[in-house]
Structures are given as structure tokens and as C-alpha cells.
Full PDB file with SEQRES, HELIX, SHEET, SSBOND, CRYST1, ORIGX, SCALE, CONECT and MASTER records, all heavy atoms in Angstrom:
SEQRES   1 A   34  PHE ILE LEU PHE VAL TYR CYS LEU LEU ILE GLY ALA ILE          
SEQRES   2 A   34  PHE ASN VAL VAL LEU GLN ALA LEU VAL PHE SER VAL VAL          
SEQRES   3 A   34  PHE TYR VAL LEU HIS ARG PHE ALA                              
HELIX    1 AA1 ILE A    2  ILE A   13  1                                  12    
HELIX    2 AA2 VAL A   17  PHE A   33  1                                  17    
CRYST1    1.000    1.000    1.000  90.00  90.00  90.00 P 1           1          
ORIGX1      1.000000  0.000000  0.000000        0.00000                         
ORIGX2      0.000000  1.000000  0.000000        0.00000                         
ORIGX3      0.000000  0.000000  1.000000        0.00000                         
SCALE1      1.000000  0.000000  0.000000        0.00000                         
SCALE2      0.000000  1.000000  0.000000        0.00000                         
SCALE3      0.000000  0.000000  1.000000        0.00000                         
ATOM      1  N   PHE A   1       2.123  10.410   0.002  1.00  0.00           N  
ATOM      2  CA  PHE A   1       0.777  10.571   0.550  1.00  0.00           C  
ATOM      3  C   PHE A   1      -0.265  10.124  -0.476  1.00  0.00           C  
ATOM      4  O   PHE A   1      -1.209   9.398  -0.140  1.00  0.00           O  
ATOM      5  CB  PHE A   1       0.527  12.026   0.971  1.00  0.00           C  
ATOM      6  CG  PHE A   1      -0.859  12.257   1.496  1.00  0.00           C  
ATOM      7  CD1 PHE A   1      -1.211  11.816   2.758  1.00  0.00           C  
ATOM      8  CD2 PHE A   1      -1.809  12.899   0.713  1.00  0.00           C  
ATOM      9  CE1 PHE A   1      -2.494  12.001   3.241  1.00  0.00           C  
ATOM     10  CE2 PHE A   1      -3.095  13.095   1.183  1.00  0.00           C  
ATOM     11  CZ  PHE A   1      -3.442  12.649   2.457  1.00  0.00           C  
ATOM     12  N   ILE A   2      -0.092  10.543  -1.727  1.00  0.00           N  
ATOM     13  CA  ILE A   2      -1.025  10.142  -2.788  1.00  0.00           C  
ATOM     14  C   ILE A   2      -1.017   8.622  -2.955  1.00  0.00           C  
ATOM     15  O   ILE A   2      -2.070   7.986  -3.075  1.00  0.00           O  
ATOM     16  CB  ILE A   2      -0.685  10.855  -4.115  1.00  0.00           C  
ATOM     17  CG1 ILE A   2      -1.040  12.338  -4.005  1.00  0.00           C  
ATOM     18  CG2 ILE A   2      -1.397  10.208  -5.295  1.00  0.00           C  
ATOM     19  CD1 ILE A   2      -0.551  13.188  -5.157  1.00  0.00           C  
ATOM     20  N   LEU A   3       0.167   8.032  -2.938  1.00  0.00           N  
ATOM     21  CA  LEU A   3       0.286   6.582  -3.072  1.00  0.00           C  
ATOM     22  C   LEU A   3      -0.385   5.872  -1.902  1.00  0.00           C  
ATOM     23  O   LEU A   3      -1.070   4.858  -2.079  1.00  0.00           O  
ATOM     24  CB  LEU A   3       1.766   6.200  -3.157  1.00  0.00           C  
ATOM     25  CG  LEU A   3       2.118   4.873  -3.771  1.00  0.00           C  
ATOM     26  CD1 LEU A   3       1.489   4.694  -5.140  1.00  0.00           C  
ATOM     27  CD2 LEU A   3       3.613   4.720  -3.859  1.00  0.00           C  
ATOM     28  N   PHE A   4      -0.218   6.403  -0.700  1.00  0.00           N  
ATOM     29  CA  PHE A   4      -0.831   5.827   0.502  1.00  0.00           C  
ATOM     30  C   PHE A   4      -2.358   5.870   0.395  1.00  0.00           C  
ATOM     31  O   PHE A   4      -3.042   4.868   0.629  1.00  0.00           O  
ATOM     32  CB  PHE A   4      -0.347   6.592   1.738  1.00  0.00           C  
ATOM     33  CG  PHE A   4      -0.968   6.140   3.023  1.00  0.00           C  
ATOM     34  CD1 PHE A   4      -0.580   4.961   3.621  1.00  0.00           C  
ATOM     35  CD2 PHE A   4      -1.951   6.910   3.620  1.00  0.00           C  
ATOM     36  CE1 PHE A   4      -1.164   4.545   4.805  1.00  0.00           C  
ATOM     37  CE2 PHE A   4      -2.541   6.500   4.810  1.00  0.00           C  
ATOM     38  CZ  PHE A   4      -2.144   5.317   5.396  1.00  0.00           C  
ATOM     39  N   VAL A   5      -2.903   7.010   0.024  1.00  0.00           N  
ATOM     40  CA  VAL A   5      -4.355   7.160  -0.126  1.00  0.00           C  
ATOM     41  C   VAL A   5      -4.869   6.234  -1.227  1.00  0.00           C  
ATOM     42  O   VAL A   5      -5.908   5.580  -1.081  1.00  0.00           O  
ATOM     43  CB  VAL A   5      -4.741   8.636  -0.405  1.00  0.00           C  
ATOM     44  CG1 VAL A   5      -6.204   8.771  -0.780  1.00  0.00           C  
ATOM     45  CG2 VAL A   5      -4.418   9.501   0.812  1.00  0.00           C  
ATOM     46  N   TYR A   6      -4.124   6.168  -2.328  1.00  0.00           N  
ATOM     47  CA  TYR A   6      -4.494   5.293  -3.440  1.00  0.00           C  
ATOM     48  C   TYR A   6      -4.565   3.832  -2.975  1.00  0.00           C  
ATOM     49  O   TYR A   6      -5.510   3.113  -3.302  1.00  0.00           O  
ATOM     50  CB  TYR A   6      -3.471   5.457  -4.564  1.00  0.00           C  
ATOM     51  CG  TYR A   6      -3.730   4.617  -5.788  1.00  0.00           C  
ATOM     52  CD1 TYR A   6      -4.704   4.983  -6.709  1.00  0.00           C  
ATOM     53  CD2 TYR A   6      -2.985   3.467  -6.042  1.00  0.00           C  
ATOM     54  CE1 TYR A   6      -4.934   4.222  -7.848  1.00  0.00           C  
ATOM     55  CE2 TYR A   6      -3.209   2.706  -7.174  1.00  0.00           C  
ATOM     56  CZ  TYR A   6      -4.183   3.087  -8.070  1.00  0.00           C  
ATOM     57  OH  TYR A   6      -4.415   2.335  -9.191  1.00  0.00           O  
ATOM     58  N   CYS A   7      -3.566   3.396  -2.200  1.00  0.00           N  
ATOM     59  CA  CYS A   7      -3.560   2.023  -1.676  1.00  0.00           C  
ATOM     60  C   CYS A   7      -4.773   1.779  -0.794  1.00  0.00           C  
ATOM     61  O   CYS A   7      -5.400   0.722  -0.866  1.00  0.00           O  
ATOM     62  CB  CYS A   7      -2.281   1.751  -0.888  1.00  0.00           C  
ATOM     63  SG  CYS A   7      -0.882   1.423  -1.933  1.00  0.00           S  
ATOM     64  N   LEU A   8      -5.098   2.745   0.053  1.00  0.00           N  
ATOM     65  CA  LEU A   8      -6.277   2.604   0.916  1.00  0.00           C  
ATOM     66  C   LEU A   8      -7.548   2.460   0.082  1.00  0.00           C  
ATOM     67  O   LEU A   8      -8.392   1.600   0.364  1.00  0.00           O  
ATOM     68  CB  LEU A   8      -6.412   3.812   1.843  1.00  0.00           C  
ATOM     69  CG  LEU A   8      -5.439   3.901   3.012  1.00  0.00           C  
ATOM     70  CD1 LEU A   8      -5.676   5.193   3.793  1.00  0.00           C  
ATOM     71  CD2 LEU A   8      -5.585   2.704   3.932  1.00  0.00           C  
ATOM     72  N   LEU A   9      -7.675   3.308  -0.942  1.00  0.00           N  
ATOM     73  CA  LEU A   9      -8.879   3.261  -1.781  1.00  0.00           C  
ATOM     74  C   LEU A   9      -8.993   1.944  -2.549  1.00  0.00           C  
ATOM     75  O   LEU A   9     -10.053   1.317  -2.564  1.00  0.00           O  
ATOM     76  CB  LEU A   9      -8.882   4.433  -2.761  1.00  0.00           C  
ATOM     77  CG  LEU A   9      -9.106   5.815  -2.155  1.00  0.00           C  
ATOM     78  CD1 LEU A   9      -8.913   6.906  -3.211  1.00  0.00           C  
ATOM     79  CD2 LEU A   9     -10.494   5.907  -1.548  1.00  0.00           C  
ATOM     80  N   ILE A  10      -7.902   1.529  -3.187  1.00  0.00           N  
ATOM     81  CA  ILE A  10      -7.927   0.272  -3.943  1.00  0.00           C  
ATOM     82  C   ILE A  10      -8.129  -0.905  -2.990  1.00  0.00           C  
ATOM     83  O   ILE A  10      -8.893  -1.833  -3.286  1.00  0.00           O  
ATOM     84  CB  ILE A  10      -6.636   0.091  -4.776  1.00  0.00           C  
ATOM     85  CG1 ILE A  10      -6.507   1.219  -5.800  1.00  0.00           C  
ATOM     86  CG2 ILE A  10      -6.609  -1.267  -5.476  1.00  0.00           C  
ATOM     87  CD1 ILE A  10      -7.668   1.348  -6.753  1.00  0.00           C  
ATOM     88  N   GLY A  11      -7.470  -0.863  -1.832  1.00  0.00           N  
ATOM     89  CA  GLY A  11      -7.670  -1.908  -0.828  1.00  0.00           C  
ATOM     90  C   GLY A  11      -9.118  -1.972  -0.373  1.00  0.00           C  
ATOM     91  O   GLY A  11      -9.678  -3.058  -0.191  1.00  0.00           O  
ATOM     92  N   ALA A  12      -9.751  -0.812  -0.203  1.00  0.00           N  
ATOM     93  CA  ALA A  12     -11.158  -0.768   0.204  1.00  0.00           C  
ATOM     94  C   ALA A  12     -12.056  -1.340  -0.893  1.00  0.00           C  
ATOM     95  O   ALA A  12     -13.008  -2.085  -0.601  1.00  0.00           O  
ATOM     96  CB  ALA A  12     -11.561   0.666   0.545  1.00  0.00           C  
ATOM     97  N   ILE A  13     -11.757  -1.014  -2.143  1.00  0.00           N  
ATOM     98  CA  ILE A  13     -12.565  -1.530  -3.264  1.00  0.00           C  
ATOM     99  C   ILE A  13     -12.524  -3.054  -3.290  1.00  0.00           C  
ATOM    100  O   ILE A  13     -13.547  -3.717  -3.492  1.00  0.00           O  
ATOM    101  CB  ILE A  13     -12.077  -0.943  -4.606  1.00  0.00           C  
ATOM    102  CG1 ILE A  13     -12.434   0.549  -4.684  1.00  0.00           C  
ATOM    103  CG2 ILE A  13     -12.654  -1.709  -5.794  1.00  0.00           C  
ATOM    104  CD1 ILE A  13     -11.780   1.294  -5.826  1.00  0.00           C  
ATOM    105  N   PHE A  14     -11.334  -3.637  -3.067  1.00  0.00           N  
ATOM    106  CA  PHE A  14     -11.191  -5.094  -3.103  1.00  0.00           C  
ATOM    107  C   PHE A  14     -11.351  -5.739  -1.724  1.00  0.00           C  
ATOM    108  O   PHE A  14     -11.158  -6.943  -1.571  1.00  0.00           O  
ATOM    109  CB  PHE A  14      -9.838  -5.486  -3.710  1.00  0.00           C  
ATOM    110  CG  PHE A  14      -9.723  -5.167  -5.164  1.00  0.00           C  
ATOM    111  CD1 PHE A  14      -8.812  -4.227  -5.620  1.00  0.00           C  
ATOM    112  CD2 PHE A  14     -10.534  -5.797  -6.100  1.00  0.00           C  
ATOM    113  CE1 PHE A  14      -8.701  -3.924  -6.961  1.00  0.00           C  
ATOM    114  CE2 PHE A  14     -10.430  -5.511  -7.449  1.00  0.00           C  
ATOM    115  CZ  PHE A  14      -9.515  -4.566  -7.887  1.00  0.00           C  
ATOM    116  N   ASN A  15     -11.686  -4.928  -0.728  1.00  0.00           N  
ATOM    117  CA  ASN A  15     -11.898  -5.408   0.644  1.00  0.00           C  
ATOM    118  C   ASN A  15     -10.636  -6.061   1.234  1.00  0.00           C  
ATOM    119  O   ASN A  15     -10.712  -7.092   1.912  1.00  0.00           O  
ATOM    120  CB  ASN A  15     -13.090  -6.365   0.694  1.00  0.00           C  
ATOM    121  CG  ASN A  15     -13.627  -6.513   2.105  1.00  0.00           C  
ATOM    122  OD1 ASN A  15     -13.471  -5.610   2.935  1.00  0.00           O  
ATOM    123  ND2 ASN A  15     -14.247  -7.642   2.388  1.00  0.00           N  
ATOM    124  N   VAL A  16      -9.475  -5.455   0.959  1.00  0.00           N  
ATOM    125  CA  VAL A  16      -8.196  -5.936   1.497  1.00  0.00           C  
ATOM    126  C   VAL A  16      -7.350  -4.735   1.950  1.00  0.00           C  
ATOM    127  O   VAL A  16      -6.174  -4.637   1.597  1.00  0.00           O  
ATOM    128  CB  VAL A  16      -7.424  -6.811   0.469  1.00  0.00           C  
ATOM    129  CG1 VAL A  16      -8.072  -8.163   0.275  1.00  0.00           C  
ATOM    130  CG2 VAL A  16      -7.258  -6.091  -0.857  1.00  0.00           C  
ATOM    131  N   VAL A  17      -7.940  -3.861   2.750  1.00  0.00           N  
ATOM    132  CA  VAL A  17      -7.260  -2.611   3.127  1.00  0.00           C  
ATOM    133  C   VAL A  17      -5.958  -2.890   3.874  1.00  0.00           C  
ATOM    134  O   VAL A  17      -4.903  -2.351   3.510  1.00  0.00           O  
ATOM    135  CB  VAL A  17      -8.189  -1.711   3.964  1.00  0.00           C  
ATOM    136  CG1 VAL A  17      -7.445  -0.490   4.473  1.00  0.00           C  
ATOM    137  CG2 VAL A  17      -9.398  -1.291   3.153  1.00  0.00           C  
ATOM    138  N   LEU A  18      -6.010  -3.713   4.915  1.00  0.00           N  
ATOM    139  CA  LEU A  18      -4.791  -3.987   5.698  1.00  0.00           C  
ATOM    140  C   LEU A  18      -3.736  -4.697   4.864  1.00  0.00           C  
ATOM    141  O   LEU A  18      -2.543  -4.396   4.956  1.00  0.00           O  
ATOM    142  CB  LEU A  18      -5.129  -4.798   6.951  1.00  0.00           C  
ATOM    143  CG  LEU A  18      -5.941  -4.063   8.007  1.00  0.00           C  
ATOM    144  CD1 LEU A  18      -6.292  -5.002   9.162  1.00  0.00           C  
ATOM    145  CD2 LEU A  18      -5.183  -2.842   8.528  1.00  0.00           C  
ATOM    146  N   GLN A  19      -4.169  -5.614   4.030  1.00  0.00           N  
ATOM    147  CA  GLN A  19      -3.226  -6.333   3.171  1.00  0.00           C  
ATOM    148  C   GLN A  19      -2.586  -5.384   2.159  1.00  0.00           C  
ATOM    149  O   GLN A  19      -1.395  -5.502   1.855  1.00  0.00           O  
ATOM    150  CB  GLN A  19      -3.951  -7.479   2.434  1.00  0.00           C  
ATOM    151  CG  GLN A  19      -4.467  -8.555   3.346  1.00  0.00           C  
ATOM    152  CD  GLN A  19      -5.868  -8.268   3.895  1.00  0.00           C  
ATOM    153  OE1 GLN A  19      -6.360  -7.142   3.869  1.00  0.00           O  
ATOM    154  NE2 GLN A  19      -6.514  -9.299   4.421  1.00  0.00           N  
ATOM    155  N   ALA A  20      -3.364  -4.430   1.652  1.00  0.00           N  
ATOM    156  CA  ALA A  20      -2.824  -3.431   0.716  1.00  0.00           C  
ATOM    157  C   ALA A  20      -1.782  -2.565   1.413  1.00  0.00           C  
ATOM    158  O   ALA A  20      -0.753  -2.214   0.819  1.00  0.00           O  
ATOM    159  CB  ALA A  20      -3.947  -2.567   0.154  1.00  0.00           C  
ATOM    160  N   LEU A  21      -2.028  -2.234   2.671  1.00  0.00           N  
ATOM    161  CA  LEU A  21      -1.056  -1.438   3.431  1.00  0.00           C  
ATOM    162  C   LEU A  21       0.220  -2.227   3.687  1.00  0.00           C  
ATOM    163  O   LEU A  21       1.327  -1.689   3.569  1.00  0.00           O  
ATOM    164  CB  LEU A  21      -1.663  -0.961   4.744  1.00  0.00           C  
ATOM    165  CG  LEU A  21      -2.737   0.117   4.605  1.00  0.00           C  
ATOM    166  CD1 LEU A  21      -3.340   0.453   5.965  1.00  0.00           C  
ATOM    167  CD2 LEU A  21      -2.178   1.362   3.951  1.00  0.00           C  
ATOM    168  N   VAL A  22       0.082  -3.511   4.024  1.00  0.00           N  
ATOM    169  CA  VAL A  22       1.260  -4.364   4.227  1.00  0.00           C  
ATOM    170  C   VAL A  22       2.077  -4.414   2.937  1.00  0.00           C  
ATOM    171  O   VAL A  22       3.300  -4.220   2.951  1.00  0.00           O  
ATOM    172  CB  VAL A  22       0.848  -5.791   4.664  1.00  0.00           C  
ATOM    173  CG1 VAL A  22       2.031  -6.749   4.601  1.00  0.00           C  
ATOM    174  CG2 VAL A  22       0.257  -5.762   6.067  1.00  0.00           C  
ATOM    175  N   PHE A  23       1.405  -4.654   1.827  1.00  0.00           N  
ATOM    176  CA  PHE A  23       2.067  -4.690   0.515  1.00  0.00           C  
ATOM    177  C   PHE A  23       2.823  -3.389   0.245  1.00  0.00           C  
ATOM    178  O   PHE A  23       3.993  -3.404  -0.124  1.00  0.00           O  
ATOM    179  CB  PHE A  23       1.027  -4.948  -0.586  1.00  0.00           C  
ATOM    180  CG  PHE A  23       1.439  -4.443  -1.933  1.00  0.00           C  
ATOM    181  CD1 PHE A  23       2.341  -5.148  -2.707  1.00  0.00           C  
ATOM    182  CD2 PHE A  23       0.940  -3.236  -2.424  1.00  0.00           C  
ATOM    183  CE1 PHE A  23       2.740  -4.661  -3.951  1.00  0.00           C  
ATOM    184  CE2 PHE A  23       1.328  -2.757  -3.655  1.00  0.00           C  
ATOM    185  CZ  PHE A  23       2.233  -3.473  -4.422  1.00  0.00           C  
ATOM    186  N   SER A  24       2.145  -2.255   0.432  1.00  0.00           N  
ATOM    187  CA  SER A  24       2.763  -0.971   0.093  1.00  0.00           C  
ATOM    188  C   SER A  24       3.937  -0.645   1.009  1.00  0.00           C  
ATOM    189  O   SER A  24       4.935  -0.094   0.558  1.00  0.00           O  
ATOM    190  CB  SER A  24       1.735   0.161   0.094  1.00  0.00           C  
ATOM    191  OG  SER A  24       1.181   0.339   1.370  1.00  0.00           O  
ATOM    192  N   VAL A  25       3.845  -1.000   2.284  1.00  0.00           N  
ATOM    193  CA  VAL A  25       4.958  -0.754   3.210  1.00  0.00           C  
ATOM    194  C   VAL A  25       6.173  -1.596   2.809  1.00  0.00           C  
ATOM    195  O   VAL A  25       7.302  -1.096   2.768  1.00  0.00           O  
ATOM    196  CB  VAL A  25       4.544  -1.035   4.673  1.00  0.00           C  
ATOM    197  CG1 VAL A  25       5.749  -1.107   5.590  1.00  0.00           C  
ATOM    198  CG2 VAL A  25       3.558   0.027   5.153  1.00  0.00           C  
ATOM    199  N   VAL A  26       5.939  -2.871   2.507  1.00  0.00           N  
ATOM    200  CA  VAL A  26       7.039  -3.753   2.089  1.00  0.00           C  
ATOM    201  C   VAL A  26       7.699  -3.198   0.825  1.00  0.00           C  
ATOM    202  O   VAL A  26       8.931  -3.067   0.761  1.00  0.00           O  
ATOM    203  CB  VAL A  26       6.538  -5.203   1.854  1.00  0.00           C  
ATOM    204  CG1 VAL A  26       7.581  -6.044   1.141  1.00  0.00           C  
ATOM    205  CG2 VAL A  26       6.156  -5.837   3.177  1.00  0.00           C  
ATOM    206  N   PHE A  27       6.889  -2.850  -0.166  1.00  0.00           N  
ATOM    207  CA  PHE A  27       7.440  -2.305  -1.408  1.00  0.00           C  
ATOM    208  C   PHE A  27       8.203  -1.010  -1.143  1.00  0.00           C  
ATOM    209  O   PHE A  27       9.331  -0.840  -1.608  1.00  0.00           O  
ATOM    210  CB  PHE A  27       6.327  -2.052  -2.437  1.00  0.00           C  
ATOM    211  CG  PHE A  27       6.834  -1.391  -3.688  1.00  0.00           C  
ATOM    212  CD1 PHE A  27       7.460  -2.134  -4.676  1.00  0.00           C  
ATOM    213  CD2 PHE A  27       6.738  -0.019  -3.853  1.00  0.00           C  
ATOM    214  CE1 PHE A  27       7.961  -1.523  -5.819  1.00  0.00           C  
ATOM    215  CE2 PHE A  27       7.223   0.602  -4.993  1.00  0.00           C  
ATOM    216  CZ  PHE A  27       7.844  -0.152  -5.978  1.00  0.00           C  
ATOM    217  N   TYR A  28       7.600  -0.105  -0.401  1.00  0.00           N  
ATOM    218  CA  TYR A  28       8.197   1.207  -0.144  1.00  0.00           C  
ATOM    219  C   TYR A  28       9.543   1.080   0.578  1.00  0.00           C  
ATOM    220  O   TYR A  28      10.531   1.698   0.174  1.00  0.00           O  
ATOM    221  CB  TYR A  28       7.225   2.061   0.673  1.00  0.00           C  
ATOM    222  CG  TYR A  28       7.781   3.395   1.077  1.00  0.00           C  
ATOM    223  CD1 TYR A  28       7.885   4.427   0.154  1.00  0.00           C  
ATOM    224  CD2 TYR A  28       8.219   3.631   2.377  1.00  0.00           C  
ATOM    225  CE1 TYR A  28       8.408   5.662   0.523  1.00  0.00           C  
ATOM    226  CE2 TYR A  28       8.732   4.863   2.747  1.00  0.00           C  
ATOM    227  CZ  TYR A  28       8.825   5.868   1.811  1.00  0.00           C  
ATOM    228  OH  TYR A  28       9.349   7.078   2.180  1.00  0.00           O  
ATOM    229  N   VAL A  29       9.593   0.257   1.615  1.00  0.00           N  
ATOM    230  CA  VAL A  29      10.837   0.102   2.395  1.00  0.00           C  
ATOM    231  C   VAL A  29      11.926  -0.538   1.529  1.00  0.00           C  
ATOM    232  O   VAL A  29      13.064  -0.071   1.506  1.00  0.00           O  
ATOM    233  CB  VAL A  29      10.591  -0.713   3.687  1.00  0.00           C  
ATOM    234  CG1 VAL A  29      11.890  -1.070   4.379  1.00  0.00           C  
ATOM    235  CG2 VAL A  29       9.676   0.065   4.643  1.00  0.00           C  
ATOM    236  N   LEU A  30      11.574  -1.587   0.807  1.00  0.00           N  
ATOM    237  CA  LEU A  30      12.565  -2.223  -0.072  1.00  0.00           C  
ATOM    238  C   LEU A  30      13.033  -1.270  -1.172  1.00  0.00           C  
ATOM    239  O   LEU A  30      14.222  -1.208  -1.480  1.00  0.00           O  
ATOM    240  CB  LEU A  30      11.976  -3.486  -0.708  1.00  0.00           C  
ATOM    241  CG  LEU A  30      12.022  -4.753   0.118  1.00  0.00           C  
ATOM    242  CD1 LEU A  30      11.218  -5.850  -0.569  1.00  0.00           C  
ATOM    243  CD2 LEU A  30      13.444  -5.211   0.366  1.00  0.00           C  
ATOM    244  N   HIS A  31      12.092  -0.526  -1.740  1.00  0.00           N  
ATOM    245  CA  HIS A  31      12.424   0.389  -2.834  1.00  0.00           C  
ATOM    246  C   HIS A  31      13.391   1.486  -2.383  1.00  0.00           C  
ATOM    247  O   HIS A  31      14.214   1.947  -3.170  1.00  0.00           O  
ATOM    248  CB  HIS A  31      11.135   0.997  -3.404  1.00  0.00           C  
ATOM    249  CG  HIS A  31      11.319   1.664  -4.718  1.00  0.00           C  
ATOM    250  ND1 HIS A  31      11.582   0.970  -5.882  1.00  0.00           N  
ATOM    251  CD2 HIS A  31      11.290   2.976  -5.068  1.00  0.00           C  
ATOM    252  CE1 HIS A  31      11.698   1.819  -6.876  1.00  0.00           C  
ATOM    253  NE2 HIS A  31      11.532   3.049  -6.418  1.00  0.00           N  
ATOM    254  N   ARG A  32      13.293   1.890  -1.133  1.00  0.00           N  
ATOM    255  CA  ARG A  32      14.192   2.920  -0.593  1.00  0.00           C  
ATOM    256  C   ARG A  32      15.660   2.490  -0.674  1.00  0.00           C  
ATOM    257  O   ARG A  32      16.541   3.316  -0.896  1.00  0.00           O  
ATOM    258  CB  ARG A  32      13.859   3.227   0.874  1.00  0.00           C  
ATOM    259  CG  ARG A  32      12.688   4.106   1.056  1.00  0.00           C  
ATOM    260  CD  ARG A  32      13.123   5.541   0.829  1.00  0.00           C  
ATOM    261  NE  ARG A  32      11.984   6.403   0.949  1.00  0.00           N  
ATOM    262  CZ  ARG A  32      11.654   7.335   0.081  1.00  0.00           C  
ATOM    263  NH1 ARG A  32      12.368   7.502  -0.992  1.00  0.00           N  
ATOM    264  NH2 ARG A  32      10.612   8.086   0.262  1.00  0.00           N  
ATOM    265  N   PHE A  33      15.903   1.196  -0.464  1.00  0.00           N  
ATOM    266  CA  PHE A  33      17.284   0.713  -0.430  1.00  0.00           C  
ATOM    267  C   PHE A  33      17.689  -0.049  -1.690  1.00  0.00           C  
ATOM    268  O   PHE A  33      18.843   0.015  -2.098  1.00  0.00           O  
ATOM    269  CB  PHE A  33      17.506  -0.157   0.807  1.00  0.00           C  
ATOM    270  CG  PHE A  33      17.297   0.595   2.087  1.00  0.00           C  
ATOM    271  CD1 PHE A  33      16.137   0.449   2.818  1.00  0.00           C  
ATOM    272  CD2 PHE A  33      18.253   1.498   2.528  1.00  0.00           C  
ATOM    273  CE1 PHE A  33      15.933   1.173   3.987  1.00  0.00           C  
ATOM    274  CE2 PHE A  33      18.062   2.232   3.686  1.00  0.00           C  
ATOM    275  CZ  PHE A  33      16.895   2.059   4.423  1.00  0.00           C  
ATOM    276  N   ALA A  34      16.763  -0.768  -2.301  1.00  0.00           N  
ATOM    277  CA  ALA A  34      17.094  -1.564  -3.484  1.00  0.00           C  
ATOM    278  C   ALA A  34      17.013  -0.740  -4.767  1.00  0.00           C  
ATOM    279  O   ALA A  34      17.585  -1.116  -5.778  1.00  0.00           O  
ATOM    280  CB  ALA A  34      16.168  -2.775  -3.584  1.00  0.00           C  
TER     281      ALA A  34                                                      
MASTER        0    0    0    2    0    0    0    6  280    1    0    3          
END                                                                             
């Protein structure tokens, strides 16, 4: 949850909120298995 909120905040600062979420989902899903 903290990581998700952090991604939203940093994404908002750089004006790339959706892209930050895509990045974090890809990393999170891969990290679960890799």
C-alpha cells in the first residue's frame, strides 16, 4: 500500500501517474515470481 501511494505521488509530481502505475504493476508481478 505504501509503495502504491508512493508511486501515485511520484507519478503525480512528474505528471506520469498512469505510466508510474504501469511500471509498478509490471515490476510487482515480475518480482513475485522472479
